[in-house]
Amino acid sequence: MLMVRGIAGGTELTGTLYERGEQSPSFRGAPDEDAAYVWVCDEFYEVDSGGTTQLVDGREVNLAFESPMPRGFDTREQALECAKEHVRTQFARIGIDPDDVEFDVEKAELDVE
């Protein structure tokens, strides 16, 4: 699996890209089991009050979270591009310029017991 981390405004957002042959999460709304690559990441937006407070770019932002929207893809390239676009969109939703987002993609091993 790949961890796709976007960094901007003094904070970060990390999502998981499950690759071919890895067991991705299975829950209502998850992509078809036949998808070669599955992207899972939080979705959030800024609210006036309530939610979770996060320090972003020197200011406190209240975040409300939505259920993750897993997405399935045929190729690794499609999946990585969508993952990065997803992360950029989340930052834009809290007032960070999407062009300011830097990415770190690293391979992580699944914990199998």
C-alpha atoms as a PDB file:
ATOM      1  CA  MET A   1       0.000   0.000   0.000  1.00  0.00           C
ATOM      2  CA  LEU A   2       1.053   3.561  -0.567  1.00  0.00           C
ATOM      3  CA  MET A   3       0.617   6.393   1.889  1.00  0.00           C
ATOM      4  CA  VAL A   4      -0.051   9.652   0.014  1.00  0.00           C
ATOM      5  CA  ARG A   5       0.626  12.645   2.257  1.00  0.00           C
ATOM      6  CA  GLY A   6      -0.197  16.231   1.333  1.00  0.00           C
ATOM      7  CA  ILE A   7       1.540  18.953   3.338  1.00  0.00           C
ATOM      8  CA  ALA A   8       0.529  22.636   3.404  1.00  0.00           C
ATOM      9  CA  GLY A   9      -0.329  25.377   5.855  1.00  0.00           C
ATOM     10  CA  GLY A  10       1.589  23.719   8.682  1.00  0.00           C
ATOM     11  CA  THR A  11      -0.544  20.583   8.625  1.00  0.00           C
ATOM     12  CA  GLU A  12      -0.930  17.423   6.580  1.00  0.00           C
ATOM     13  CA  LEU A  13      -3.484  14.964   5.273  1.00  0.00           C
ATOM     14  CA  THR A  14      -2.631  11.345   4.547  1.00  0.00           C
ATOM     15  CA  GLY A  15      -4.690   8.824   2.593  1.00  0.00           C
ATOM     16  CA  THR A  16      -4.105   5.188   1.718  1.00  0.00           C
ATOM     17  CA  LEU A  17      -3.804   3.711  -1.758  1.00  0.00           C
ATOM     18  CA  TYR A  18      -4.250  -0.064  -1.737  1.00  0.00           C
ATOM     19  CA  GLU A  19      -2.471  -1.728  -4.618  1.00  0.00           C
ATOM     20  CA  ARG A  20      -3.245  -4.769  -6.724  1.00  0.00           C
ATOM     21  CA  GLY A  21      -3.368  -7.912  -4.577  1.00  0.00           C
ATOM     22  CA  GLU A  22      -3.776  -6.070  -1.261  1.00  0.00           C
ATOM     23  CA  GLN A  23      -6.966  -6.343   0.781  1.00  0.00           C
ATOM     24  CA  SER A  24      -8.640  -2.948   0.828  1.00  0.00           C
ATOM     25  CA  PRO A  25     -11.297  -2.086   3.405  1.00  0.00           C
ATOM     26  CA  SER A  26     -14.707  -3.511   2.770  1.00  0.00           C
ATOM     27  CA  PHE A  27     -17.695  -1.471   3.872  1.00  0.00           C
ATOM     28  CA  ARG A  28     -20.838   0.028   2.378  1.00  0.00           C
ATOM     29  CA  GLY A  29     -19.878   2.192  -0.584  1.00  0.00           C
ATOM     30  CA  ALA A  30     -16.447   0.574  -1.055  1.00  0.00           C
ATOM     31  CA  PRO A  31     -15.426  -0.027  -4.665  1.00  0.00           C
ATOM     32  CA  ASP A  32     -15.859  -3.330  -6.410  1.00  0.00           C
ATOM     33  CA  GLU A  33     -13.430  -5.970  -5.168  1.00  0.00           C
ATOM     34  CA  ASP A  34     -12.085  -6.223  -8.717  1.00  0.00           C
ATOM     35  CA  ALA A  35     -10.625  -2.690  -8.640  1.00  0.00           C
ATOM     36  CA  ALA A  36      -6.859  -2.954  -9.021  1.00  0.00           C
ATOM     37  CA  TYR A  37      -6.191   0.183  -6.910  1.00  0.00           C
ATOM     38  CA  VAL A  38      -8.379   1.600  -4.147  1.00  0.00           C
ATOM     39  CA  TRP A  39      -7.959   5.099  -2.674  1.00  0.00           C
ATOM     40  CA  VAL A  40      -9.347   5.838   0.824  1.00  0.00           C
ATOM     41  CA  CYS A  41      -8.996   9.222   2.537  1.00  0.00           C
ATOM     42  CA  ASP A  42     -10.949  11.527   4.831  1.00  0.00           C
ATOM     43  CA  GLU A  43     -13.071  14.295   3.415  1.00  0.00           C
ATOM     44  CA  PHE A  44     -13.703  17.447   5.414  1.00  0.00           C
ATOM     45  CA  TYR A  45     -14.812  21.044   5.178  1.00  0.00           C
ATOM     46  CA  GLU A  46     -14.626  24.168   7.323  1.00  0.00           C
ATOM     47  CA  VAL A  47     -17.511  25.025   9.670  1.00  0.00           C
ATOM     48  CA  ASP A  48     -18.162  28.132  11.751  1.00  0.00           C
ATOM     49  CA  SER A  49     -18.447  26.239  15.034  1.00  0.00           C
ATOM     50  CA  GLY A  50     -18.211  22.712  16.372  1.00  0.00           C
ATOM     51  CA  GLY A  51     -16.282  19.999  14.611  1.00  0.00           C
ATOM     52  CA  THR A  52     -12.609  19.371  15.268  1.00  0.00           C
ATOM     53  CA  THR A  53     -10.257  22.315  15.730  1.00  0.00           C
ATOM     54  CA  GLN A  54      -7.054  22.239  13.691  1.00  0.00           C
ATOM     55  CA  LEU A  55      -4.296  24.842  13.455  1.00  0.00           C
ATOM     56  CA  VAL A  56      -3.862  25.610   9.747  1.00  0.00           C
ATOM     57  CA  ASP A  57      -1.592  28.304   8.379  1.00  0.00           C
ATOM     58  CA  GLY A  58      -1.488  30.035  11.773  1.00  0.00           C
ATOM     59  CA  ARG A  59      -5.254  30.124  12.325  1.00  0.00           C
ATOM     60  CA  GLU A  60      -7.697  27.819  14.078  1.00  0.00           C
ATOM     61  CA  VAL A  61     -10.055  26.077  11.678  1.00  0.00           C
ATOM     62  CA  ASN A  62     -13.106  24.043  12.725  1.00  0.00           C
ATOM     63  CA  LEU A  63     -13.411  20.935  10.581  1.00  0.00           C
ATOM     64  CA  ALA A  64     -16.415  18.710   9.998  1.00  0.00           C
ATOM     65  CA  PHE A  65     -15.624  15.287   8.567  1.00  0.00           C
ATOM     66  CA  GLU A  66     -17.592  13.334   5.999  1.00  0.00           C
ATOM     67  CA  SER A  67     -17.463   9.577   5.526  1.00  0.00           C
ATOM     68  CA  PRO A  68     -14.462   8.540   3.430  1.00  0.00           C
ATOM     69  CA  MET A  69     -15.338   7.983  -0.205  1.00  0.00           C
ATOM     70  CA  PRO A  70     -13.260   5.044  -1.435  1.00  0.00           C
ATOM     71  CA  ARG A  71     -12.571   5.065  -5.144  1.00  0.00           C
ATOM     72  CA  GLY A  72     -11.384   2.259  -7.414  1.00  0.00           C
ATOM     73  CA  PHE A  73      -8.991   2.606 -10.363  1.00  0.00           C
ATOM     74  CA  ASP A  74      -7.528   0.416 -13.086  1.00  0.00           C
ATOM     75  CA  THR A  75      -4.009   1.865 -13.098  1.00  0.00           C
ATOM     76  CA  ARG A  76      -1.553   3.122 -10.514  1.00  0.00           C
ATOM     77  CA  GLU A  77      -1.103   6.385 -12.426  1.00  0.00           C
ATOM     78  CA  GLN A  78      -4.857   7.098 -12.405  1.00  0.00           C
ATOM     79  CA  ALA A  79      -5.049   6.290  -8.703  1.00  0.00           C
ATOM     80  CA  LEU A  80      -2.099   8.507  -7.727  1.00  0.00           C
ATOM     81  CA  GLU A  81      -3.365  11.450  -9.766  1.00  0.00           C
ATOM     82  CA  CYS A  82      -6.830  11.173  -8.212  1.00  0.00           C
ATOM     83  CA  ALA A  83      -5.308  10.812  -4.733  1.00  0.00           C
ATOM     84  CA  LYS A  84      -3.315  14.014  -5.169  1.00  0.00           C
ATOM     85  CA  GLU A  85      -6.320  15.869  -6.581  1.00  0.00           C
ATOM     86  CA  HIS A  86      -8.433  14.674  -3.646  1.00  0.00           C
ATOM     87  CA  VAL A  87      -5.880  15.969  -1.138  1.00  0.00           C
ATOM     88  CA  ARG A  88      -5.578  19.313  -2.971  1.00  0.00           C
ATOM     89  CA  THR A  89      -9.378  19.653  -2.859  1.00  0.00           C
ATOM     90  CA  GLN A  90      -9.501  19.039   0.902  1.00  0.00           C
ATOM     91  CA  PHE A  91      -6.892  21.747   1.496  1.00  0.00           C
ATOM     92  CA  ALA A  92      -8.786  24.147  -0.788  1.00  0.00           C
ATOM     93  CA  ARG A  93     -11.934  23.532   1.281  1.00  0.00           C
ATOM     94  CA  ILE A  94     -10.140  25.048   4.296  1.00  0.00           C
ATOM     95  CA  GLY A  95      -8.643  28.027   2.485  1.00  0.00           C
ATOM     96  CA  ILE A  96      -5.230  26.682   1.424  1.00  0.00           C
ATOM     97  CA  ASP A  97      -4.144  27.262  -2.185  1.00  0.00           C
ATOM     98  CA  PRO A  98      -4.061  23.790  -3.804  1.00  0.00           C
ATOM     99  CA  ASP A  99      -0.856  24.761  -5.629  1.00  0.00           C
ATOM    100  CA  ASP A 100       0.864  25.100  -2.219  1.00  0.00           C
ATOM    101  CA  VAL A 101       0.355  21.418  -1.361  1.00  0.00           C
ATOM    102  CA  GLU A 102       3.535  19.337  -1.406  1.00  0.00           C
ATOM    103  CA  PHE A 103       3.361  15.558  -1.625  1.00  0.00           C
ATOM    104  CA  ASP A 104       5.194  12.659  -0.070  1.00  0.00           C
ATOM    105  CA  VAL A 105       4.355   9.158  -1.330  1.00  0.00           C
ATOM    106  CA  GLU A 106       5.792   6.217   0.559  1.00  0.00           C
ATOM    107  CA  LYS A 107       5.358   2.485   0.497  1.00  0.00           C
ATOM    108  CA  ALA A 108       3.944   0.980   3.689  1.00  0.00           C
ATOM    109  CA  GLU A 109       3.557  -2.668   4.574  1.00  0.00           C
ATOM    110  CA  LEU A 110       0.231  -4.162   5.597  1.00  0.00           C
ATOM    111  CA  ASP A 111       0.093  -5.535   9.132  1.00  0.00           C
ATOM    112  CA  VAL A 112      -0.901  -9.167   8.699  1.00  0.00           C
ATOM    113  CA  GLU A 113      -1.477 -11.294  11.782  1.00  0.00           C
END
